[in-house]
N, C-alpha and C. Protein backbone atom coordinates (compact mmCIF):
# COMPACT_ATOMS: atom_id res chain seq x y z
N UNK A 1 -7.30 19.51 24.77
CA UNK A 1 -7.75 20.84 24.34
C UNK A 1 -6.65 21.49 23.51
N UNK A 2 -7.06 22.31 22.55
CA UNK A 2 -6.06 22.97 21.71
C UNK A 2 -5.39 24.09 22.48
N UNK A 3 -4.22 24.44 22.03
CA UNK A 3 -3.56 25.63 22.56
C UNK A 3 -4.13 26.81 21.78
N UNK A 4 -4.72 27.74 22.50
CA UNK A 4 -5.34 28.89 21.84
C UNK A 4 -4.27 29.95 21.63
N UNK A 5 -4.00 30.30 20.36
CA UNK A 5 -2.99 31.32 20.10
C UNK A 5 -3.45 32.68 20.62
N UNK A 6 -2.48 33.55 20.88
CA UNK A 6 -2.83 34.88 21.38
C UNK A 6 -3.74 35.60 20.42
N UNK A 7 -3.49 35.45 19.16
CA UNK A 7 -4.29 36.12 18.13
C UNK A 7 -5.17 35.10 17.42
N UNK A 8 -6.30 34.78 18.03
CA UNK A 8 -7.23 33.85 17.40
C UNK A 8 -7.99 34.61 16.30
N UNK A 9 -8.28 33.93 15.24
CA UNK A 9 -8.99 34.56 14.13
C UNK A 9 -10.45 34.76 14.50
N UNK A 10 -10.80 35.98 14.88
CA UNK A 10 -12.16 36.27 15.33
C UNK A 10 -13.19 35.98 14.25
N UNK A 11 -12.85 36.29 13.01
CA UNK A 11 -13.81 36.05 11.94
C UNK A 11 -14.10 34.55 11.79
N UNK A 12 -13.07 33.72 11.93
CA UNK A 12 -13.28 32.28 11.85
C UNK A 12 -14.10 31.77 13.04
N UNK A 13 -13.84 32.34 14.20
CA UNK A 13 -14.60 31.94 15.39
C UNK A 13 -16.08 32.29 15.21
N UNK A 14 -16.36 33.48 14.73
CA UNK A 14 -17.74 33.90 14.53
C UNK A 14 -18.43 33.02 13.49
N UNK A 15 -17.75 32.75 12.39
CA UNK A 15 -18.32 31.89 11.35
C UNK A 15 -18.56 30.47 11.88
N UNK A 16 -17.61 29.96 12.62
CA UNK A 16 -17.76 28.60 13.16
C UNK A 16 -18.94 28.53 14.12
N UNK A 17 -19.06 29.51 15.01
CA UNK A 17 -20.20 29.52 15.94
C UNK A 17 -21.51 29.60 15.15
N UNK A 18 -21.56 30.49 14.17
CA UNK A 18 -22.79 30.63 13.36
C UNK A 18 -23.13 29.33 12.65
N UNK A 19 -22.14 28.67 12.08
CA UNK A 19 -22.39 27.41 11.38
C UNK A 19 -22.87 26.32 12.34
N UNK A 20 -22.31 26.27 13.53
CA UNK A 20 -22.77 25.28 14.51
C UNK A 20 -24.19 25.57 15.00
N UNK A 21 -24.55 26.84 15.14
CA UNK A 21 -25.92 27.18 15.53
C UNK A 21 -26.89 26.72 14.45
N UNK A 22 -26.54 26.98 13.20
CA UNK A 22 -27.39 26.56 12.07
C UNK A 22 -27.44 25.03 11.99
N UNK A 23 -26.28 24.39 12.15
CA UNK A 23 -26.23 22.92 12.14
C UNK A 23 -27.14 22.36 13.22
N UNK A 24 -27.13 22.97 14.40
CA UNK A 24 -27.96 22.47 15.49
C UNK A 24 -29.44 22.64 15.18
N UNK A 25 -29.82 23.77 14.63
CA UNK A 25 -31.21 23.99 14.24
C UNK A 25 -31.65 22.92 13.24
N UNK A 26 -30.83 22.70 12.23
CA UNK A 26 -31.16 21.70 11.21
C UNK A 26 -31.25 20.30 11.80
N UNK A 27 -30.20 19.87 12.51
CA UNK A 27 -30.11 18.48 12.97
C UNK A 27 -31.03 18.18 14.14
N UNK A 28 -31.22 19.13 15.05
CA UNK A 28 -32.01 18.85 16.25
C UNK A 28 -33.49 19.13 16.06
N UNK A 29 -33.84 19.93 15.05
CA UNK A 29 -35.24 20.30 14.89
C UNK A 29 -35.78 20.01 13.49
N UNK A 30 -35.17 20.55 12.46
CA UNK A 30 -35.75 20.42 11.12
C UNK A 30 -35.56 19.04 10.50
N UNK A 31 -34.43 18.39 10.75
CA UNK A 31 -34.15 17.09 10.16
C UNK A 31 -34.43 15.91 11.10
N UNK A 32 -34.82 16.20 12.32
CA UNK A 32 -35.12 15.12 13.27
C UNK A 32 -36.56 14.65 13.03
N UNK A 33 -36.70 13.41 12.62
CA UNK A 33 -38.02 12.86 12.35
C UNK A 33 -38.72 12.48 13.65
N UNK A 34 -40.01 12.22 13.56
CA UNK A 34 -40.76 11.75 14.73
C UNK A 34 -40.20 10.42 15.21
N UNK A 35 -39.80 9.56 14.27
CA UNK A 35 -39.20 8.27 14.63
C UNK A 35 -37.96 8.48 15.49
N UNK A 36 -37.12 9.44 15.11
CA UNK A 36 -35.91 9.73 15.90
C UNK A 36 -36.29 10.32 17.26
N UNK A 37 -37.11 11.37 17.23
CA UNK A 37 -37.44 12.10 18.45
C UNK A 37 -38.14 11.23 19.48
N UNK A 38 -39.11 10.46 19.04
CA UNK A 38 -39.85 9.61 19.98
C UNK A 38 -39.08 8.33 20.29
N UNK A 39 -38.41 7.80 19.28
CA UNK A 39 -37.70 6.54 19.44
C UNK A 39 -36.53 6.61 20.40
N UNK A 40 -35.79 7.70 20.36
CA UNK A 40 -34.61 7.82 21.24
C UNK A 40 -35.00 7.97 22.71
N UNK A 41 -36.27 8.26 22.97
CA UNK A 41 -36.77 8.43 24.33
C UNK A 41 -37.32 7.13 24.91
N UNK A 42 -37.45 6.09 24.09
CA UNK A 42 -38.06 4.83 24.55
C UNK A 42 -37.16 4.10 25.54
N UNK A 43 -37.77 3.24 26.32
CA UNK A 43 -37.04 2.40 27.27
C UNK A 43 -36.31 1.29 26.51
N UNK A 44 -36.97 0.73 25.50
CA UNK A 44 -36.37 -0.30 24.67
C UNK A 44 -36.43 0.16 23.21
N UNK A 45 -35.50 -0.32 22.41
CA UNK A 45 -35.49 0.02 21.00
C UNK A 45 -35.08 1.45 20.70
N UNK A 46 -34.33 2.04 21.60
CA UNK A 46 -33.93 3.45 21.46
C UNK A 46 -32.64 3.62 20.66
N UNK A 47 -31.85 2.58 20.54
CA UNK A 47 -30.50 2.75 19.98
C UNK A 47 -30.50 3.18 18.51
N UNK A 48 -31.30 2.57 17.67
CA UNK A 48 -31.31 2.92 16.24
C UNK A 48 -31.80 4.35 16.01
N UNK A 49 -32.91 4.78 16.63
CA UNK A 49 -33.33 6.17 16.44
C UNK A 49 -32.31 7.18 16.97
N UNK A 50 -31.72 6.86 18.12
CA UNK A 50 -30.71 7.76 18.67
C UNK A 50 -29.50 7.82 17.74
N UNK A 51 -29.05 6.68 17.25
CA UNK A 51 -27.89 6.68 16.36
C UNK A 51 -28.18 7.46 15.08
N UNK A 52 -29.36 7.29 14.52
CA UNK A 52 -29.71 8.04 13.30
C UNK A 52 -29.65 9.55 13.58
N UNK A 53 -30.18 9.95 14.72
CA UNK A 53 -30.20 11.37 15.10
C UNK A 53 -28.78 11.92 15.28
N UNK A 54 -27.96 11.20 16.03
CA UNK A 54 -26.62 11.73 16.29
C UNK A 54 -25.73 11.62 15.05
N UNK A 55 -26.05 10.70 14.14
CA UNK A 55 -25.30 10.62 12.89
C UNK A 55 -25.54 11.87 12.03
N UNK A 56 -26.76 12.40 12.06
CA UNK A 56 -27.05 13.65 11.35
C UNK A 56 -26.21 14.78 11.94
N UNK A 57 -26.13 14.83 13.26
CA UNK A 57 -25.29 15.84 13.92
C UNK A 57 -23.82 15.68 13.53
N UNK A 58 -23.34 14.45 13.58
CA UNK A 58 -21.93 14.20 13.25
C UNK A 58 -21.63 14.58 11.81
N UNK A 59 -22.55 14.30 10.90
CA UNK A 59 -22.35 14.68 9.50
C UNK A 59 -22.25 16.20 9.36
N UNK A 60 -23.10 16.92 10.08
CA UNK A 60 -23.03 18.38 10.05
C UNK A 60 -21.70 18.89 10.57
N UNK A 61 -21.23 18.31 11.66
CA UNK A 61 -19.93 18.70 12.22
C UNK A 61 -18.81 18.37 11.25
N UNK A 62 -18.90 17.22 10.62
CA UNK A 62 -17.90 16.84 9.62
C UNK A 62 -17.84 17.85 8.49
N UNK A 63 -18.98 18.27 8.00
CA UNK A 63 -19.01 19.25 6.90
C UNK A 63 -18.40 20.58 7.33
N UNK A 64 -18.72 21.01 8.54
CA UNK A 64 -18.14 22.28 9.04
C UNK A 64 -16.63 22.14 9.15
N UNK A 65 -16.17 21.05 9.72
CA UNK A 65 -14.72 20.85 9.87
C UNK A 65 -14.02 20.75 8.52
N UNK A 66 -14.59 20.01 7.59
CA UNK A 66 -13.95 19.88 6.27
C UNK A 66 -13.87 21.22 5.56
N UNK A 67 -14.83 22.09 5.83
CA UNK A 67 -14.83 23.42 5.23
C UNK A 67 -13.83 24.36 5.89
N UNK A 68 -13.71 24.29 7.20
CA UNK A 68 -12.93 25.29 7.94
C UNK A 68 -11.58 24.79 8.44
N UNK A 69 -11.50 23.53 8.84
CA UNK A 69 -10.25 22.99 9.39
C UNK A 69 -10.26 21.47 9.18
N UNK A 70 -9.94 21.03 7.97
CA UNK A 70 -10.04 19.60 7.64
C UNK A 70 -9.28 18.68 8.60
N UNK A 71 -8.21 19.17 9.20
CA UNK A 71 -7.43 18.35 10.13
C UNK A 71 -8.21 18.01 11.39
N UNK A 72 -9.33 18.69 11.60
CA UNK A 72 -10.16 18.43 12.79
C UNK A 72 -11.43 17.65 12.43
N UNK A 73 -11.41 16.97 11.31
CA UNK A 73 -12.58 16.19 10.89
C UNK A 73 -12.98 15.16 11.95
N UNK A 74 -12.03 14.72 12.75
CA UNK A 74 -12.30 13.76 13.81
C UNK A 74 -13.26 14.31 14.88
N UNK A 75 -13.47 15.62 14.91
CA UNK A 75 -14.44 16.18 15.86
C UNK A 75 -15.85 15.65 15.59
N UNK A 76 -16.09 15.17 14.38
CA UNK A 76 -17.40 14.59 14.07
C UNK A 76 -17.65 13.36 14.95
N UNK A 77 -16.62 12.57 15.19
CA UNK A 77 -16.75 11.39 16.05
C UNK A 77 -16.99 11.83 17.50
N UNK A 78 -16.32 12.90 17.91
CA UNK A 78 -16.52 13.44 19.26
C UNK A 78 -17.96 13.92 19.39
N UNK A 79 -18.45 14.61 18.36
CA UNK A 79 -19.83 15.10 18.39
C UNK A 79 -20.81 13.93 18.48
N UNK A 80 -20.56 12.88 17.73
CA UNK A 80 -21.40 11.69 17.77
C UNK A 80 -21.51 11.17 19.20
N UNK A 81 -20.37 11.03 19.87
CA UNK A 81 -20.34 10.48 21.23
C UNK A 81 -20.96 11.44 22.24
N UNK A 82 -20.56 12.71 22.20
CA UNK A 82 -21.05 13.67 23.19
C UNK A 82 -22.55 13.91 23.03
N UNK A 83 -22.99 14.09 21.79
CA UNK A 83 -24.42 14.32 21.57
C UNK A 83 -25.23 13.11 22.03
N UNK A 84 -24.72 11.93 21.74
CA UNK A 84 -25.40 10.71 22.18
C UNK A 84 -25.50 10.61 23.69
N UNK A 85 -24.41 10.94 24.38
CA UNK A 85 -24.43 10.90 25.85
C UNK A 85 -25.42 11.91 26.44
N UNK A 86 -25.42 13.11 25.87
CA UNK A 86 -26.34 14.14 26.38
C UNK A 86 -27.79 13.71 26.15
N UNK A 87 -28.10 13.27 24.94
CA UNK A 87 -29.48 12.90 24.63
C UNK A 87 -29.94 11.67 25.41
N UNK A 88 -29.06 10.69 25.55
CA UNK A 88 -29.45 9.49 26.30
C UNK A 88 -29.64 9.81 27.77
N UNK A 89 -28.78 10.66 28.32
CA UNK A 89 -28.93 11.08 29.72
C UNK A 89 -30.25 11.79 29.93
N UNK A 90 -30.60 12.67 29.01
CA UNK A 90 -31.88 13.38 29.11
C UNK A 90 -33.03 12.37 29.09
N UNK A 91 -32.96 11.39 28.20
CA UNK A 91 -34.01 10.38 28.10
C UNK A 91 -34.14 9.59 29.40
N UNK A 92 -33.03 9.24 30.01
CA UNK A 92 -33.06 8.47 31.26
C UNK A 92 -33.67 9.27 32.39
N UNK A 93 -33.34 10.57 32.47
CA UNK A 93 -33.95 11.42 33.50
C UNK A 93 -35.45 11.52 33.25
N UNK A 94 -35.83 11.72 31.99
CA UNK A 94 -37.25 11.83 31.65
C UNK A 94 -38.00 10.54 31.97
N UNK A 95 -37.37 9.41 31.70
CA UNK A 95 -38.02 8.12 32.00
C UNK A 95 -38.23 7.93 33.50
N UNK A 96 -37.28 8.42 34.28
CA UNK A 96 -37.39 8.26 35.74
C UNK A 96 -38.46 9.17 36.35
N UNK A 97 -38.52 10.42 35.88
CA UNK A 97 -39.38 11.40 36.53
C UNK A 97 -40.67 11.73 35.78
N UNK A 98 -40.76 11.37 34.51
CA UNK A 98 -41.99 11.58 33.73
C UNK A 98 -42.47 13.04 33.77
N UNK A 99 -41.56 13.97 33.52
CA UNK A 99 -41.93 15.38 33.50
C UNK A 99 -42.93 15.65 32.38
N UNK A 100 -43.88 16.51 32.64
CA UNK A 100 -44.89 16.92 31.66
C UNK A 100 -44.56 18.33 31.16
N UNK A 101 -45.02 18.64 29.96
CA UNK A 101 -44.74 19.92 29.32
C UNK A 101 -45.16 21.10 30.19
N UNK A 102 -46.16 20.93 31.01
CA UNK A 102 -46.63 22.03 31.84
C UNK A 102 -45.87 22.16 33.17
N UNK A 103 -44.82 21.35 33.35
CA UNK A 103 -44.01 21.42 34.56
C UNK A 103 -42.71 22.16 34.27
N UNK A 104 -42.28 22.97 35.20
CA UNK A 104 -41.03 23.71 35.04
C UNK A 104 -39.85 22.75 34.85
N UNK A 105 -39.86 21.62 35.53
CA UNK A 105 -38.75 20.67 35.45
C UNK A 105 -38.56 20.14 34.03
N UNK A 106 -39.66 20.00 33.28
CA UNK A 106 -39.56 19.58 31.88
C UNK A 106 -38.70 20.58 31.10
N UNK A 107 -38.96 21.86 31.29
CA UNK A 107 -38.25 22.91 30.56
C UNK A 107 -36.83 23.08 31.08
N UNK A 108 -36.62 22.84 32.36
CA UNK A 108 -35.25 22.86 32.89
C UNK A 108 -34.42 21.77 32.24
N UNK A 109 -35.01 20.59 32.11
CA UNK A 109 -34.30 19.47 31.48
C UNK A 109 -34.03 19.78 30.01
N UNK A 110 -35.04 20.28 29.31
CA UNK A 110 -34.87 20.64 27.91
C UNK A 110 -33.81 21.72 27.74
N UNK A 111 -33.87 22.74 28.58
CA UNK A 111 -32.90 23.83 28.51
C UNK A 111 -31.48 23.38 28.82
N UNK A 112 -31.35 22.49 29.79
CA UNK A 112 -30.02 21.95 30.12
C UNK A 112 -29.47 21.17 28.95
N UNK A 113 -30.30 20.34 28.33
CA UNK A 113 -29.91 19.57 27.15
C UNK A 113 -29.41 20.50 26.04
N UNK A 114 -30.18 21.52 25.74
CA UNK A 114 -29.81 22.44 24.66
C UNK A 114 -28.54 23.22 25.00
N UNK A 115 -28.41 23.65 26.24
CA UNK A 115 -27.23 24.39 26.67
C UNK A 115 -25.97 23.53 26.55
N UNK A 116 -26.06 22.27 26.95
CA UNK A 116 -24.90 21.38 26.83
C UNK A 116 -24.50 21.19 25.36
N UNK A 117 -25.49 21.09 24.48
CA UNK A 117 -25.18 20.98 23.05
C UNK A 117 -24.48 22.24 22.55
N UNK A 118 -25.00 23.40 22.94
CA UNK A 118 -24.40 24.66 22.48
C UNK A 118 -23.00 24.86 23.06
N UNK A 119 -22.78 24.48 24.30
CA UNK A 119 -21.44 24.58 24.87
C UNK A 119 -20.46 23.65 24.15
N UNK A 120 -20.93 22.48 23.77
CA UNK A 120 -20.10 21.57 22.98
C UNK A 120 -19.72 22.23 21.66
N UNK A 121 -20.70 22.83 21.01
CA UNK A 121 -20.44 23.49 19.73
C UNK A 121 -19.52 24.69 19.89
N UNK A 122 -19.66 25.42 20.98
CA UNK A 122 -18.75 26.54 21.23
C UNK A 122 -17.32 26.05 21.37
N UNK A 123 -17.13 24.96 22.10
CA UNK A 123 -15.78 24.38 22.24
C UNK A 123 -15.23 23.96 20.87
N UNK A 124 -16.08 23.35 20.04
CA UNK A 124 -15.64 22.97 18.69
C UNK A 124 -15.25 24.20 17.88
N UNK A 125 -16.05 25.26 17.98
CA UNK A 125 -15.78 26.48 17.22
C UNK A 125 -14.46 27.11 17.64
N UNK A 126 -14.19 27.14 18.94
CA UNK A 126 -12.91 27.67 19.43
C UNK A 126 -11.77 26.81 18.91
N UNK A 127 -11.95 25.50 18.96
CA UNK A 127 -10.93 24.57 18.48
C UNK A 127 -10.64 24.80 17.00
N UNK A 128 -11.67 24.97 16.22
CA UNK A 128 -11.51 25.21 14.77
C UNK A 128 -10.81 26.53 14.53
N UNK A 129 -11.25 27.59 15.20
CA UNK A 129 -10.62 28.90 15.00
C UNK A 129 -9.17 28.89 15.46
N UNK A 130 -8.88 28.20 16.55
CA UNK A 130 -7.51 28.12 17.03
C UNK A 130 -6.63 27.35 16.05
N UNK A 131 -7.17 26.26 15.54
CA UNK A 131 -6.40 25.46 14.57
C UNK A 131 -6.14 26.23 13.29
N UNK A 132 -7.14 26.94 12.82
CA UNK A 132 -6.98 27.73 11.59
C UNK A 132 -6.06 28.92 11.81
N UNK A 133 -6.05 29.46 13.01
CA UNK A 133 -5.20 30.61 13.31
C UNK A 133 -3.72 30.23 13.42
N UNK A 134 -3.47 28.98 13.76
CA UNK A 134 -2.08 28.55 13.96
C UNK A 134 -1.42 28.10 12.66
N UNK A 135 -2.17 28.09 11.57
CA UNK A 135 -1.59 27.67 10.27
C UNK A 135 -0.72 28.75 9.67
């Protein structure tokens, strides 16, 4: 974890959070194809669709880092791994329990997935703002 300076650049933190929220909307919803969304949930043949999906996320993180803190471009690889773990874990739980859209557990699982992604992005945003503040 980065050392957070006493005076973190609030404007950079706000911009980073906003960019990650937009990146998540684009990568998780607008740019995710049916092949990705349905494929990553399969019992077999899930790896290629999942990788395509998390590669879109990693590319978004890379662009944010290159814009705000190029020295943290490696966070794109972290995003690739973390997003993949979260999504695959969600798929495994769904495969085991077969939650339906009309069940509360389906939405709990979906909400947990989204919250974990947003917490990851918040950590990245703090890291970026801290790195930029220490320059």
